Structures are given as structure tokens and as C-alpha cells.
Amino acid sequence: MRRVGEALSESGAYQLRYQMLITAPDALEGPIEEAFGSIRRLRDRFDEPDVGTDPQWDSSLDAVSGAIGALKRAMRDDLATSP
């Protein structure tokens, strides 16, 4: 779990999250937080004894992909409506 936490910190994910929250329009705050939260929830799964063998593992990965996809769509929509 420690190594997984270090990987998330060292990836710059926290800094990117804050940069996005500071610079993005308010409408993107929800999708930003949901994407980051899904990544943290996946990270927390590594603290469970059955990581990787749990039948819910695939749904955890799908949740991350879905949240990131929703964020990308929201960002593109915002760019398309910007003057």
C-alpha cells in the first residue's frame, strides 16, 4: 500500500488535480473530483488482501476509465462552447 501511495504522489496526480481545479471552469469541478476520487479508491483497493483476485477488481478499473472518460468529454464540451 505504501508503494502504491508513493506512486500516486510521485506521478504528480495531486498537483495536476489542484492545477485543474484552479484553472478550469467551475462546471468541471465535479468531473475532476470524480476522476481523482476513482483513482484514489482504486489505490485503496491495494490495501485489501484479495487485490487482483477479487471479482470486483474489473469494475474498479472500469470506474476509473469511466470517470476519466467523463472528465475528457466535459473538458471537450467546455472547449467547444468557449468563445
Protein backbone atom coordinates (compact mmCIF):
# COMPACT_ATOMS: atom_id res chain seq x y z
CA MET A 1 0.00 0.00 0.00
CA ARG A 2 2.85 2.37 0.81
CA ARG A 3 4.40 1.84 -2.63
CA VAL A 4 1.09 2.42 -4.36
CA GLY A 5 0.60 5.64 -2.41
CA GLU A 6 4.09 6.77 -3.33
CA ALA A 7 3.43 6.03 -7.00
CA LEU A 8 0.30 8.19 -6.94
CA SER A 9 2.15 11.02 -5.22
CA GLU A 10 5.22 10.80 -7.44
CA SER A 11 3.10 10.75 -10.60
CA GLY A 12 2.14 14.37 -9.98
CA ALA A 13 -1.57 13.46 -9.80
CA TYR A 14 -2.20 15.65 -6.75
CA GLN A 15 -0.52 18.66 -8.34
CA LEU A 16 -2.42 18.14 -11.60
CA ARG A 17 -5.70 17.91 -9.70
CA TYR A 18 -5.07 21.24 -7.98
CA GLN A 19 -3.90 22.89 -11.20
CA MET A 20 -7.07 21.77 -12.93
CA LEU A 21 -9.28 22.95 -10.05
CA ILE A 22 -7.60 26.37 -10.11
CA THR A 23 -7.69 26.91 -13.87
CA ALA A 24 -10.75 25.01 -15.10
CA PRO A 25 -14.25 26.45 -15.13
CA ASP A 26 -16.45 25.66 -12.13
CA ALA A 27 -18.53 23.25 -14.24
CA LEU A 28 -15.55 20.90 -14.43
CA GLU A 29 -15.00 20.65 -10.67
CA GLY A 30 -17.34 17.66 -10.28
CA PRO A 31 -15.81 15.58 -13.08
CA ILE A 32 -12.29 16.45 -11.89
CA GLU A 33 -13.03 15.35 -8.35
CA GLU A 34 -14.82 12.19 -9.51
CA ALA A 35 -11.88 11.16 -11.72
CA PHE A 36 -9.36 11.77 -8.96
CA GLY A 37 -11.58 10.08 -6.38
CA SER A 38 -11.91 6.97 -8.55
CA ILE A 39 -8.12 6.77 -8.80
CA ARG A 40 -7.79 7.07 -5.02
CA ARG A 41 -10.45 4.40 -4.49
CA LEU A 42 -8.50 2.10 -6.80
CA ARG A 43 -5.33 2.88 -4.85
CA ASP A 44 -7.12 1.99 -1.62
CA ARG A 45 -8.05 -1.40 -3.05
CA PHE A 46 -4.37 -2.35 -2.87
CA ASP A 47 -4.72 -2.45 0.89
CA GLU A 48 -7.20 -5.33 0.61
CA PRO A 49 -5.95 -8.92 0.89
CA ASP A 50 -7.62 -10.12 -2.32
CA VAL A 51 -6.36 -7.40 -4.65
CA GLY A 52 -6.25 -8.66 -8.21
CA THR A 53 -8.28 -11.80 -7.50
CA ASP A 54 -11.45 -10.04 -6.35
CA PRO A 55 -14.21 -10.32 -8.95
CA GLN A 56 -14.94 -6.61 -8.33
CA TRP A 57 -11.43 -5.62 -9.48
CA ASP A 58 -12.52 -5.21 -13.09
CA SER A 59 -15.40 -2.96 -12.07
CA SER A 60 -12.92 -0.81 -10.10
CA LEU A 61 -10.79 -0.41 -13.22
CA ASP A 62 -13.90 0.31 -15.28
CA ALA A 63 -14.91 3.02 -12.78
CA VAL A 64 -11.56 4.77 -13.24
CA SER A 65 -11.83 4.56 -17.03
CA GLY A 66 -15.40 5.82 -16.94
CA ALA A 67 -14.59 8.75 -14.68
CA ILE A 68 -11.61 9.79 -16.80
CA GLY A 69 -13.72 9.44 -19.94
CA ALA A 70 -16.45 11.63 -18.42
CA LEU A 71 -13.84 14.25 -17.49
CA LYS A 72 -12.43 14.24 -21.02
CA ARG A 73 -15.91 14.69 -22.50
CA ALA A 74 -16.68 17.54 -20.08
CA MET A 75 -13.42 19.26 -20.95
CA ARG A 76 -14.07 18.91 -24.68
CA ASP A 77 -17.62 20.21 -24.26
CA ASP A 78 -16.27 23.21 -22.37
CA LEU A 79 -13.74 23.92 -25.11
CA ALA A 80 -16.42 23.64 -27.78
CA THR A 81 -18.61 26.22 -26.03
CA SER A 82 -15.83 28.65 -25.15
CA PRO A 83 -15.85 31.90 -27.12
